[in-house]
Amino acid sequence: MKRIFILVTAVMICCISQMNGQTRKTAGKRVATSKTTAIAKTTPASDLPLFGLKGKVKKLVENIFTWSITDFVYDENGVIDSEASKSTLEPWGQRVYYFTEDGFLNGYHFIAPDGSTKQYEEIAADSKGRLVKACYEEEMEEDVISAQLDIKRNAAGKMSSYTIFDRRNPTCIIRKGIITLRPDGKISKIKYTTLWDSWTKTYSYNANGMLTKTVNKNPIEVNAITWKYEPGCDANGNWLKAENSDNEVVERQIEYYE
């Protein structure tokens, strides 16, 4: 089956947490005794933590590159030696996200490497401008389907789940994701169900709140992807370049409300 490119799938695969700089020293701070009850800090409702963003973000552009083997080297058994082969960083495309002044996602499009733009047939938002529906055409195997993405939000407005189905056959659920969030609004895990299988994706962060690893687990296998970041961030403390173990490099351009 060809890869289904959809809005929230892109959000959940690519969301990585913000770079806050070096860990702050805690020398001199009193250590809580066993009688002290720690209270988790809850971040105000927003979609920005899903993207590892902070500040009044208006627009996020992610330029995606992938490492591809261009000069193959084979071992004595005729198998490609990936370490000895030459790899080149090639553009994969550009993801563009738009946010309300309150930090909620309200628009999206994808620009392919050839410059063509993938637009959605219909994008709907609720009364507060928060994205709740997107309709588009996508290829599945040898068929082109008219798909619809529905996003569910909790009482605070945070994403809690999403469903993708075939508009010609609404009972045909292509993918469903149940989202568990941390108090800071970042993703803890997502439980996925599709027409073919189900799995759980968990997210791990470092002390600075930056995503370090995601793990996909189903009854048959476990697949982990790790992230690393280049030093430096913008004036709002948002990271600008990262790379993962799946040979993907992400460079970000962020525009803010004045």
C-alpha atoms as a PDB file:
ATOM      1  CA  MET A   1       0.000   0.000   0.000  1.00  0.00           C
ATOM      2  CA  LYS A   2       1.271   3.443  -0.882  1.00  0.00           C
ATOM      3  CA  ARG A   3       1.992   5.750   2.009  1.00  0.00           C
ATOM      4  CA  ILE A   4      -1.091   7.759   2.981  1.00  0.00           C
ATOM      5  CA  PHE A   5      -0.111  11.367   3.557  1.00  0.00           C
ATOM      6  CA  ILE A   6      -2.555  13.066   5.850  1.00  0.00           C
ATOM      7  CA  LEU A   7      -2.620  16.080   8.089  1.00  0.00           C
ATOM      8  CA  VAL A   8      -2.635  14.625  11.572  1.00  0.00           C
ATOM      9  CA  THR A   9      -0.393  11.699  10.605  1.00  0.00           C
ATOM     10  CA  ALA A  10       2.179  14.278   9.583  1.00  0.00           C
ATOM     11  CA  VAL A  11       1.598  16.107  12.851  1.00  0.00           C
ATOM     12  CA  MET A  12       2.077  13.023  14.997  1.00  0.00           C
ATOM     13  CA  ILE A  13       5.057  11.609  13.068  1.00  0.00           C
ATOM     14  CA  CYS A  14       6.938  14.875  12.932  1.00  0.00           C
ATOM     15  CA  CYS A  15       6.054  16.559  16.183  1.00  0.00           C
ATOM     16  CA  ILE A  16       9.204  17.038  18.278  1.00  0.00           C
ATOM     17  CA  SER A  17       9.617  19.183  21.341  1.00  0.00           C
ATOM     18  CA  GLN A  18      11.226  22.575  21.625  1.00  0.00           C
ATOM     19  CA  MET A  19      14.870  23.189  22.403  1.00  0.00           C
ATOM     20  CA  ASN A  20      15.141  25.113  25.667  1.00  0.00           C
ATOM     21  CA  GLY A  21      18.932  25.313  25.750  1.00  0.00           C
ATOM     22  CA  GLN A  22      21.124  23.715  28.371  1.00  0.00           C
ATOM     23  CA  THR A  23      19.610  22.210  31.502  1.00  0.00           C
ATOM     24  CA  ARG A  24      19.351  24.847  34.185  1.00  0.00           C
ATOM     25  CA  LYS A  25      21.389  24.293  37.299  1.00  0.00           C
ATOM     26  CA  THR A  26      19.373  23.585  40.431  1.00  0.00           C
ATOM     27  CA  ALA A  27      22.079  24.154  43.039  1.00  0.00           C
ATOM     28  CA  GLY A  28      20.751  25.844  46.144  1.00  0.00           C
ATOM     29  CA  LYS A  29      17.173  24.763  45.635  1.00  0.00           C
ATOM     30  CA  ARG A  30      15.537  22.962  48.574  1.00  0.00           C
ATOM     31  CA  VAL A  31      14.797  19.312  47.967  1.00  0.00           C
ATOM     32  CA  ALA A  32      11.203  18.304  48.660  1.00  0.00           C
ATOM     33  CA  THR A  33      10.735  15.903  51.549  1.00  0.00           C
ATOM     34  CA  SER A  34       8.747  12.718  51.302  1.00  0.00           C
ATOM     35  CA  LYS A  35       5.744  14.567  52.718  1.00  0.00           C
ATOM     36  CA  THR A  36       5.693  17.076  49.858  1.00  0.00           C
ATOM     37  CA  THR A  37       3.224  16.372  47.074  1.00  0.00           C
ATOM     38  CA  ALA A  38       4.475  17.303  43.598  1.00  0.00           C
ATOM     39  CA  ILE A  39       1.927  19.068  41.429  1.00  0.00           C
ATOM     40  CA  ALA A  40       2.235  18.631  37.650  1.00  0.00           C
ATOM     41  CA  LYS A  41       2.170  21.881  35.748  1.00  0.00           C
ATOM     42  CA  THR A  42      -0.569  21.896  33.151  1.00  0.00           C
ATOM     43  CA  THR A  43       0.028  23.925  30.022  1.00  0.00           C
ATOM     44  CA  PRO A  44      -2.906  26.018  28.733  1.00  0.00           C
ATOM     45  CA  ALA A  45      -4.773  24.374  25.860  1.00  0.00           C
ATOM     46  CA  SER A  46      -2.947  24.747  22.546  1.00  0.00           C
ATOM     47  CA  ASP A  47      -1.761  22.639  19.607  1.00  0.00           C
ATOM     48  CA  LEU A  48       1.733  24.168  19.709  1.00  0.00           C
ATOM     49  CA  PRO A  49       3.220  21.533  22.074  1.00  0.00           C
ATOM     50  CA  LEU A  50       2.341  18.883  19.469  1.00  0.00           C
ATOM     51  CA  PHE A  51       4.865  20.578  17.184  1.00  0.00           C
ATOM     52  CA  GLY A  52       7.419  21.389  19.872  1.00  0.00           C
ATOM     53  CA  LEU A  53       6.638  25.098  19.585  1.00  0.00           C
ATOM     54  CA  LYS A  54       6.216  27.984  21.989  1.00  0.00           C
ATOM     55  CA  GLY A  55       5.417  31.659  21.550  1.00  0.00           C
ATOM     56  CA  LYS A  56       2.714  33.230  19.380  1.00  0.00           C
ATOM     57  CA  VAL A  57       3.414  31.123  16.296  1.00  0.00           C
ATOM     58  CA  LYS A  58       1.516  32.122  13.163  1.00  0.00           C
ATOM     59  CA  LYS A  59       3.105  29.838  10.582  1.00  0.00           C
ATOM     60  CA  LEU A  60       5.486  26.873  10.647  1.00  0.00           C
ATOM     61  CA  VAL A  61       7.363  25.735   7.534  1.00  0.00           C
ATOM     62  CA  GLU A  62       9.181  22.404   7.729  1.00  0.00           C
ATOM     63  CA  ASN A  63      11.648  21.701   4.941  1.00  0.00           C
ATOM     64  CA  ILE A  64      12.122  17.930   4.795  1.00  0.00           C
ATOM     65  CA  PHE A  65      15.228  16.176   3.450  1.00  0.00           C
ATOM     66  CA  THR A  66      16.108  12.490   3.326  1.00  0.00           C
ATOM     67  CA  TRP A  67      19.437  10.711   3.039  1.00  0.00           C
ATOM     68  CA  SER A  68      19.384   8.563  -0.119  1.00  0.00           C
ATOM     69  CA  ILE A  69      22.075   6.248  -1.438  1.00  0.00           C
ATOM     70  CA  THR A  70      23.364   7.609  -4.753  1.00  0.00           C
ATOM     71  CA  ASP A  71      26.521   5.509  -5.262  1.00  0.00           C
ATOM     72  CA  PHE A  72      26.026   1.881  -4.285  1.00  0.00           C
ATOM     73  CA  VAL A  73      28.765  -0.343  -2.889  1.00  0.00           C
ATOM     74  CA  TYR A  74      28.126  -4.090  -2.632  1.00  0.00           C
ATOM     75  CA  ASP A  75      29.733  -6.659  -0.352  1.00  0.00           C
ATOM     76  CA  GLU A  76      31.030 -10.086  -1.402  1.00  0.00           C
ATOM     77  CA  ASN A  77      27.500 -11.493  -1.241  1.00  0.00           C
ATOM     78  CA  GLY A  78      26.087  -8.860  -3.563  1.00  0.00           C
ATOM     79  CA  VAL A  79      24.266  -7.083  -0.741  1.00  0.00           C
ATOM     80  CA  ILE A  80      24.334  -3.280  -0.568  1.00  0.00           C
ATOM     81  CA  ASP A  81      26.828  -2.026   2.012  1.00  0.00           C
ATOM     82  CA  SER A  82      24.957   1.003   3.350  1.00  0.00           C
ATOM     83  CA  GLU A  83      27.948   2.270   5.342  1.00  0.00           C
ATOM     84  CA  ALA A  84      30.367   2.107   2.420  1.00  0.00           C
ATOM     85  CA  SER A  85      27.853   3.460  -0.113  1.00  0.00           C
ATOM     86  CA  LYS A  86      27.671   7.206  -0.733  1.00  0.00           C
ATOM     87  CA  SER A  87      24.531   8.959   0.513  1.00  0.00           C
ATOM     88  CA  THR A  88      23.221  12.364  -0.555  1.00  0.00           C
ATOM     89  CA  LEU A  89      20.752  14.605   1.255  1.00  0.00           C
ATOM     90  CA  GLU A  90      17.819  15.140  -1.096  1.00  0.00           C
ATOM     91  CA  PRO A  91      14.689  17.314  -0.675  1.00  0.00           C
ATOM     92  CA  TRP A  92      11.506  15.404   0.135  1.00  0.00           C
ATOM     93  CA  GLY A  93       9.097  18.315   0.308  1.00  0.00           C
ATOM     94  CA  GLN A  94       7.785  21.076   2.507  1.00  0.00           C
ATOM     95  CA  ARG A  95       5.065  20.989   5.154  1.00  0.00           C
ATOM     96  CA  VAL A  96       3.331  24.261   6.006  1.00  0.00           C
ATOM     97  CA  TYR A  97       1.134  24.707   9.090  1.00  0.00           C
ATOM     98  CA  TYR A  98      -0.968  27.720  10.137  1.00  0.00           C
ATOM     99  CA  PHE A  99      -2.092  28.558  13.680  1.00  0.00           C
ATOM    100  CA  THR A 100      -4.637  30.828  15.328  1.00  0.00           C
ATOM    101  CA  GLU A 101      -3.430  33.519  17.747  1.00  0.00           C
ATOM    102  CA  ASP A 102      -4.386  31.126  20.561  1.00  0.00           C
ATOM    103  CA  GLY A 103      -2.020  28.489  19.178  1.00  0.00           C
ATOM    104  CA  PHE A 104      -4.489  26.094  17.552  1.00  0.00           C
ATOM    105  CA  LEU A 105      -3.896  24.480  14.174  1.00  0.00           C
ATOM    106  CA  ASN A 106      -6.271  25.900  11.561  1.00  0.00           C
ATOM    107  CA  GLY A 107      -4.664  25.140   8.200  1.00  0.00           C
ATOM    108  CA  TYR A 108      -2.120  23.005   6.382  1.00  0.00           C
ATOM    109  CA  HIS A 109      -0.675  22.173   2.973  1.00  0.00           C
ATOM    110  CA  PHE A 110       2.184  20.154   1.515  1.00  0.00           C
ATOM    111  CA  ILE A 111       4.555  21.266  -1.238  1.00  0.00           C
ATOM    112  CA  ALA A 112       6.211  18.439  -3.178  1.00  0.00           C
ATOM    113  CA  PRO A 113       9.871  18.566  -4.278  1.00  0.00           C
ATOM    114  CA  ASP A 114       8.745  19.548  -7.795  1.00  0.00           C
ATOM    115  CA  GLY A 115       6.960  22.615  -6.401  1.00  0.00           C
ATOM    116  CA  SER A 116       3.430  21.300  -6.766  1.00  0.00           C
ATOM    117  CA  THR A 117       1.120  21.971  -3.829  1.00  0.00           C
ATOM    118  CA  LYS A 118      -1.161  19.370  -2.297  1.00  0.00           C
ATOM    119  CA  GLN A 119      -4.314  21.213  -1.338  1.00  0.00           C
ATOM    120  CA  TYR A 120      -7.268  19.872   0.578  1.00  0.00           C
ATOM    121  CA  GLU A 121     -10.714  19.887  -0.998  1.00  0.00           C
ATOM    122  CA  GLU A 122     -12.268  21.154   2.213  1.00  0.00           C
ATOM    123  CA  ILE A 123     -10.909  22.304   5.563  1.00  0.00           C
ATOM    124  CA  ALA A 124     -13.321  23.087   8.394  1.00  0.00           C
ATOM    125  CA  ALA A 125     -12.726  24.743  11.764  1.00  0.00           C
ATOM    126  CA  ASP A 126     -14.908  25.169  14.829  1.00  0.00           C
ATOM    127  CA  SER A 127     -16.161  28.495  16.214  1.00  0.00           C
ATOM    128  CA  LYS A 128     -12.732  29.200  17.729  1.00  0.00           C
ATOM    129  CA  GLY A 129     -10.868  28.564  14.486  1.00  0.00           C
ATOM    130  CA  ARG A 130      -9.524  25.143  15.534  1.00  0.00           C
ATOM    131  CA  LEU A 131      -9.155  22.604  12.731  1.00  0.00           C
ATOM    132  CA  VAL A 132     -11.679  19.778  13.050  1.00  0.00           C
ATOM    133  CA  LYS A 133     -12.057  18.399   9.510  1.00  0.00           C
ATOM    134  CA  ALA A 134     -10.067  18.018   6.276  1.00  0.00           C
ATOM    135  CA  CYS A 135     -11.176  16.322   3.048  1.00  0.00           C
ATOM    136  CA  TYR A 136      -8.778  15.259   0.318  1.00  0.00           C
ATOM    137  CA  GLU A 137      -8.045  12.707  -2.399  1.00  0.00           C
ATOM    138  CA  GLU A 138      -5.342  10.126  -1.804  1.00  0.00           C
ATOM    139  CA  GLU A 139      -4.002   7.014  -3.494  1.00  0.00           C
ATOM    140  CA  MET A 140      -4.447   3.681  -1.741  1.00  0.00           C
ATOM    141  CA  GLU A 141      -2.963   0.765  -3.615  1.00  0.00           C
ATOM    142  CA  GLU A 142      -4.363   1.178  -7.141  1.00  0.00           C
ATOM    143  CA  ASP A 143      -7.378   3.220  -6.137  1.00  0.00           C
ATOM    144  CA  VAL A 144      -7.891   6.933  -5.515  1.00  0.00           C
ATOM    145  CA  ILE A 145     -10.162   7.513  -2.554  1.00  0.00           C
ATOM    146  CA  SER A 146     -12.022  10.560  -1.283  1.00  0.00           C
ATOM    147  CA  ALA A 147     -10.879  10.613   2.335  1.00  0.00           C
ATOM    148  CA  GLN A 148     -12.039  12.649   5.305  1.00  0.00           C
ATOM    149  CA  LEU A 149     -10.110  13.406   8.465  1.00  0.00           C
ATOM    150  CA  ASP A 150     -12.161  14.215  11.580  1.00  0.00           C
ATOM    151  CA  ILE A 151     -10.394  15.586  14.660  1.00  0.00           C
ATOM    152  CA  LYS A 152     -11.928  15.278  18.127  1.00  0.00           C
ATOM    153  CA  ARG A 153     -10.957  17.726  20.874  1.00  0.00           C
ATOM    154  CA  ASN A 154     -11.513  17.559  24.614  1.00  0.00           C
ATOM    155  CA  ALA A 155     -13.330  20.174  26.688  1.00  0.00           C
ATOM    156  CA  ALA A 156     -10.158  22.271  26.882  1.00  0.00           C
ATOM    157  CA  GLY A 157      -9.740  22.191  23.098  1.00  0.00           C
ATOM    158  CA  LYS A 158      -6.761  19.832  22.965  1.00  0.00           C
ATOM    159  CA  MET A 159      -6.718  17.033  20.364  1.00  0.00           C
ATOM    160  CA  SER A 160      -7.903  13.736  21.850  1.00  0.00           C
ATOM    161  CA  SER A 161      -8.383  11.548  18.771  1.00  0.00           C
ATOM    162  CA  TYR A 162      -8.771  11.551  15.015  1.00  0.00           C
ATOM    163  CA  THR A 163     -10.427   9.304  12.443  1.00  0.00           C
ATOM    164  CA  ILE A 164      -9.835   8.952   8.694  1.00  0.00           C
ATOM    165  CA  PHE A 165     -12.496   7.274   6.600  1.00  0.00           C
ATOM    166  CA  ASP A 166     -13.546   6.791   2.990  1.00  0.00           C
ATOM    167  CA  ARG A 167     -16.239   9.379   2.240  1.00  0.00           C
ATOM    168  CA  ARG A 168     -17.849   6.990  -0.261  1.00  0.00           C
ATOM    169  CA  ASN A 169     -18.141   4.411   2.525  1.00  0.00           C
ATOM    170  CA  PRO A 170     -18.142   6.175   5.921  1.00  0.00           C
ATOM    171  CA  THR A 171     -18.147   2.870   7.808  1.00  0.00           C
ATOM    172  CA  CYS A 172     -14.752   2.074   6.280  1.00  0.00           C
ATOM    173  CA  ILE A 173     -12.253   3.425   8.832  1.00  0.00           C
ATOM    174  CA  ILE A 174      -8.825   3.816   7.252  1.00  0.00           C
ATOM    175  CA  ARG A 175      -7.073   4.933  10.425  1.00  0.00           C
ATOM    176  CA  LYS A 176      -8.036   5.916  13.945  1.00  0.00           C
ATOM    177  CA  GLY A 177      -5.704   7.414  16.528  1.00  0.00           C
ATOM    178  CA  ILE A 178      -6.401   7.796  20.256  1.00  0.00           C
ATOM    179  CA  ILE A 179      -4.081  10.450  21.715  1.00  0.00           C
ATOM    180  CA  THR A 180      -2.807  10.576  25.293  1.00  0.00           C
ATOM    181  CA  LEU A 181      -1.252  13.922  26.267  1.00  0.00           C
ATOM    182  CA  ARG A 182       1.094  14.865  29.078  1.00  0.00           C
ATOM    183  CA  PRO A 183       0.168  17.771  31.400  1.00  0.00           C
ATOM    184  CA  ASP A 184       2.464  20.025  29.351  1.00  0.00           C
ATOM    185  CA  GLY A 185       0.455  19.291  26.190  1.00  0.00           C
ATOM    186  CA  LYS A 186       3.066  17.084  24.524  1.00  0.00           C
ATOM    187  CA  ILE A 187       2.159  13.617  23.306  1.00  0.00           C
ATOM    188  CA  SER A 188       2.669  10.687  25.663  1.00  0.00           C
ATOM    189  CA  LYS A 189       1.344   7.984  23.343  1.00  0.00           C
ATOM    190  CA  ILE A 190      -0.993   7.326  20.444  1.00  0.00           C
ATOM    191  CA  LYS A 191      -2.925   4.100  19.968  1.00  0.00           C
ATOM    192  CA  TYR A 192      -3.488   3.452  16.260  1.00  0.00           C
ATOM    193  CA  THR A 193      -5.999   1.189  14.534  1.00  0.00           C
ATOM    194  CA  THR A 194      -6.197   0.685  10.751  1.00  0.00           C
ATOM    195  CA  LEU A 195      -7.931  -1.632   8.334  1.00  0.00           C
ATOM    196  CA  TRP A 196      -4.987  -3.993   8.578  1.00  0.00           C
ATOM    197  CA  ASP A 197      -3.428  -3.796  12.026  1.00  0.00           C
ATOM    198  CA  SER A 198      -3.031  -1.851  15.265  1.00  0.00           C
ATOM    199  CA  TRP A 199      -0.070  -0.530  17.213  1.00  0.00           C
ATOM    200  CA  THR A 200       0.971   1.936  19.872  1.00  0.00           C
ATOM    201  CA  LYS A 201       3.461   4.776  19.486  1.00  0.00           C
ATOM    202  CA  THR A 202       5.098   6.146  22.636  1.00  0.00           C
ATOM    203  CA  TYR A 203       7.123   9.351  22.976  1.00  0.00           C
ATOM    204  CA  SER A 204      10.149  10.007  25.225  1.00  0.00           C
ATOM    205  CA  TYR A 205      11.590  13.434  26.110  1.00  0.00           C
ATOM    206  CA  ASN A 206      14.720  14.707  27.804  1.00  0.00           C
ATOM    207  CA  ALA A 207      14.890  17.049  30.792  1.00  0.00           C
ATOM    208  CA  ASN A 208      14.574  20.056  28.473  1.00  0.00           C
ATOM    209  CA  GLY A 209      11.287  18.773  27.035  1.00  0.00           C
ATOM    210  CA  MET A 210      12.812  17.808  23.687  1.00  0.00           C
ATOM    211  CA  LEU A 211      11.644  14.627  21.970  1.00  0.00           C
ATOM    212  CA  THR A 212      14.417  12.037  22.009  1.00  0.00           C
ATOM    213  CA  LYS A 213      12.708   8.845  20.870  1.00  0.00           C
ATOM    214  CA  THR A 214       9.486   7.390  19.506  1.00  0.00           C
ATOM    215  CA  VAL A 215       8.710   3.678  19.688  1.00  0.00           C
ATOM    216  CA  ASN A 216       6.161   1.896  17.499  1.00  0.00           C
ATOM    217  CA  LYS A 217       5.050  -1.412  18.989  1.00  0.00           C
ATOM    218  CA  ASN A 218       2.645  -4.049  17.712  1.00  0.00           C
ATOM    219  CA  PRO A 219       2.261  -7.741  18.603  1.00  0.00           C
ATOM    220  CA  ILE A 220       4.926  -8.682  16.039  1.00  0.00           C
ATOM    221  CA  GLU A 221       7.686  -6.075  16.208  1.00  0.00           C
ATOM    222  CA  VAL A 222       9.082  -2.969  17.871  1.00  0.00           C
ATOM    223  CA  ASN A 223      10.575  -0.082  15.910  1.00  0.00           C
ATOM    224  CA  ALA A 224      12.332   2.878  17.543  1.00  0.00           C
ATOM    225  CA  ILE A 225      13.342   6.213  15.995  1.00  0.00           C
ATOM    226  CA  THR A 226      15.682   8.590  17.815  1.00  0.00           C
ATOM    227  CA  TRP A 227      16.107  12.358  17.341  1.00  0.00           C
ATOM    228  CA  LYS A 228      19.057  14.704  17.689  1.00  0.00           C
ATOM    229  CA  TYR A 229      19.201  18.489  17.313  1.00  0.00           C
ATOM    230  CA  GLU A 230      21.697  20.997  16.029  1.00  0.00           C
ATOM    231  CA  PRO A 231      22.744  23.657  18.558  1.00  0.00           C
ATOM    232  CA  GLY A 232      20.952  26.964  18.350  1.00  0.00           C
ATOM    233  CA  CYS A 233      17.353  28.128  18.406  1.00  0.00           C
ATOM    234  CA  ASP A 234      15.407  31.258  17.540  1.00  0.00           C
ATOM    235  CA  ALA A 235      14.578  34.179  19.850  1.00  0.00           C
ATOM    236  CA  ASN A 236      11.565  32.293  21.250  1.00  0.00           C
ATOM    237  CA  GLY A 237      13.607  29.206  22.097  1.00  0.00           C
ATOM    238  CA  ASN A 238      12.303  27.019  19.271  1.00  0.00           C
ATOM    239  CA  TRP A 239      14.704  24.588  17.603  1.00  0.00           C
ATOM    240  CA  LEU A 240      15.482  25.087  13.915  1.00  0.00           C
ATOM    241  CA  LYS A 241      17.140  21.886  12.691  1.00  0.00           C
ATOM    242  CA  ALA A 242      16.886  18.223  13.686  1.00  0.00           C
ATOM    243  CA  GLU A 243      17.678  14.788  12.306  1.00  0.00           C
ATOM    244  CA  ASN A 244      16.281  11.369  13.141  1.00  0.00           C
ATOM    245  CA  SER A 245      17.550   7.803  12.815  1.00  0.00           C
ATOM    246  CA  ASP A 246      15.097   7.215   9.958  1.00  0.00           C
ATOM    247  CA  ASN A 247      17.355   9.317   7.670  1.00  0.00           C
ATOM    248  CA  GLU A 248      15.120  12.387   7.812  1.00  0.00           C
ATOM    249  CA  VAL A 249      16.388  15.939   8.314  1.00  0.00           C
ATOM    250  CA  VAL A 250      13.976  18.739   9.249  1.00  0.00           C
ATOM    251  CA  GLU A 251      14.772  22.433   8.889  1.00  0.00           C
ATOM    252  CA  ARG A 252      12.199  24.881  10.258  1.00  0.00           C
ATOM    253  CA  GLN A 253      11.178  28.437   9.483  1.00  0.00           C
ATOM    254  CA  ILE A 254       8.814  30.000  12.032  1.00  0.00           C
ATOM    255  CA  GLU A 255       6.708  33.129  11.650  1.00  0.00           C
ATOM    256  CA  TYR A 256       5.122  34.800  14.684  1.00  0.00           C
ATOM    257  CA  TYR A 257       2.194  37.102  15.321  1.00  0.00           C
ATOM    258  CA  GLU A 258       3.346  40.632  16.055  1.00  0.00           C
END
